[in-house]
Amino acid sequence: MSLPKGKVNVRYEFTADKPGEFATSGTTGFSLMAKQEAEGKIEHTVPLRFAAYEGMDIGTDNGLPVVRNLSTPKYCPPISKALSRR
């Protein structure tokens, strides 16, 4: 699968099997231009909470690297809108 040129609508969705519980399993899906491209099962998630900003670093990773001398180029194409639902 490759992304088309121009504006692209990308959607990732996770539906927990037991909403409100830590480390629950769930179903995940990825859609491109309103067409589901992939889906799968996640057996368990992280059993703790993250800060409100964690995961909202689109086009870059603001967290600490696993390896200290690891450097990755930052790439961020123009993004017209990013939505987060809770």
Protein backbone atom coordinates (compact mmCIF):
# COMPACT_ATOMS: atom_id res chain seq x y z
CA MET A 1 0.00 0.00 0.00
CA SER A 2 1.28 3.47 -0.81
CA LEU A 3 -0.16 6.86 -0.03
CA PRO A 4 -1.63 8.81 -2.92
CA LYS A 5 -0.33 12.30 -3.68
CA GLY A 6 -2.27 15.29 -2.42
CA LYS A 7 -4.62 15.44 0.55
CA VAL A 8 -5.03 12.09 2.27
CA ASN A 9 -7.44 11.03 5.01
CA VAL A 10 -5.78 8.50 7.35
CA ARG A 11 -7.63 7.00 10.31
CA TYR A 12 -6.47 4.68 13.07
CA GLU A 13 -9.00 3.26 15.52
CA PHE A 14 -8.72 1.08 18.62
CA THR A 15 -11.76 -0.42 20.31
CA ALA A 16 -11.05 -1.88 23.76
CA ASP A 17 -12.66 -5.18 24.72
CA LYS A 18 -13.04 -3.91 28.30
CA PRO A 19 -13.20 -0.09 28.18
CA GLY A 20 -11.82 1.59 31.30
CA GLU A 21 -9.56 -1.32 32.28
CA PHE A 22 -5.78 -1.11 32.02
CA ALA A 23 -3.92 -3.56 29.76
CA THR A 24 -7.11 -4.75 28.05
CA SER A 25 -7.19 -6.40 24.65
CA GLY A 26 -8.96 -4.86 21.70
CA THR A 27 -9.49 -4.56 17.98
CA THR A 28 -7.51 -2.15 15.85
CA GLY A 29 -8.11 -0.81 12.37
CA PHE A 30 -6.41 1.42 9.82
CA SER A 31 -8.31 3.23 7.07
CA LEU A 32 -7.07 5.23 4.11
CA MET A 33 -9.47 7.55 2.28
CA ALA A 34 -12.44 5.98 4.18
CA LYS A 35 -11.51 2.46 2.99
CA GLN A 36 -10.39 -0.03 5.64
CA GLU A 37 -6.91 -1.23 4.71
CA ALA A 38 -6.00 -3.32 7.75
CA GLU A 39 -7.43 -4.67 10.98
CA GLY A 40 -6.15 -6.85 13.77
CA LYS A 41 -6.29 -7.93 17.37
CA ILE A 42 -4.08 -6.48 20.12
CA GLU A 43 -3.87 -9.00 22.96
CA HIS A 44 -3.00 -6.47 25.69
CA THR A 45 -2.13 -2.80 25.95
CA VAL A 46 0.18 -0.83 28.25
CA PRO A 47 -0.99 -1.16 31.88
CA LEU A 48 -0.50 2.51 32.77
CA ARG A 49 -1.46 6.00 31.62
CA PHE A 50 0.58 8.49 29.64
CA ALA A 51 0.70 12.27 29.86
CA ALA A 52 -1.96 14.10 27.85
CA TYR A 53 0.55 15.13 25.17
CA GLU A 54 2.04 11.65 24.68
CA GLY A 55 1.20 10.23 21.29
CA MET A 56 0.31 13.61 19.80
CA ASP A 57 3.76 14.17 18.30
CA ILE A 58 2.76 13.81 14.65
CA GLY A 59 5.70 13.59 12.22
CA THR A 60 8.26 13.33 15.00
CA ASP A 61 8.87 11.45 18.23
CA ASN A 62 9.35 13.71 21.24
CA GLY A 63 9.99 10.81 23.62
CA LEU A 64 13.38 9.54 24.69
CA PRO A 65 15.06 7.08 22.30
CA VAL A 66 15.77 3.50 23.34
CA VAL A 67 19.43 3.94 22.33
CA ARG A 68 21.13 7.18 23.41
CA ASN A 69 23.01 7.78 20.14
CA LEU A 70 19.98 7.06 17.96
CA SER A 71 18.97 9.96 15.80
CA THR A 72 16.18 9.91 13.27
CA PRO A 73 15.43 12.57 10.70
CA LYS A 74 12.29 14.54 11.42
CA TYR A 75 9.74 14.58 8.63
CA CYS A 76 6.39 16.21 8.83
CA PRO A 77 4.30 16.71 5.70
CA PRO A 78 1.68 19.45 5.82
CA ILE A 79 -1.17 18.28 8.07
CA SER A 80 -4.44 20.15 7.72
CA LYS A 81 -6.27 18.52 10.66
CA ALA A 82 -5.54 15.96 13.39
CA LEU A 83 -8.36 14.68 15.60
CA SER A 84 -8.19 12.75 18.86
CA ARG A 85 -11.28 11.11 20.35
CA ARG A 86 -11.56 9.86 23.89
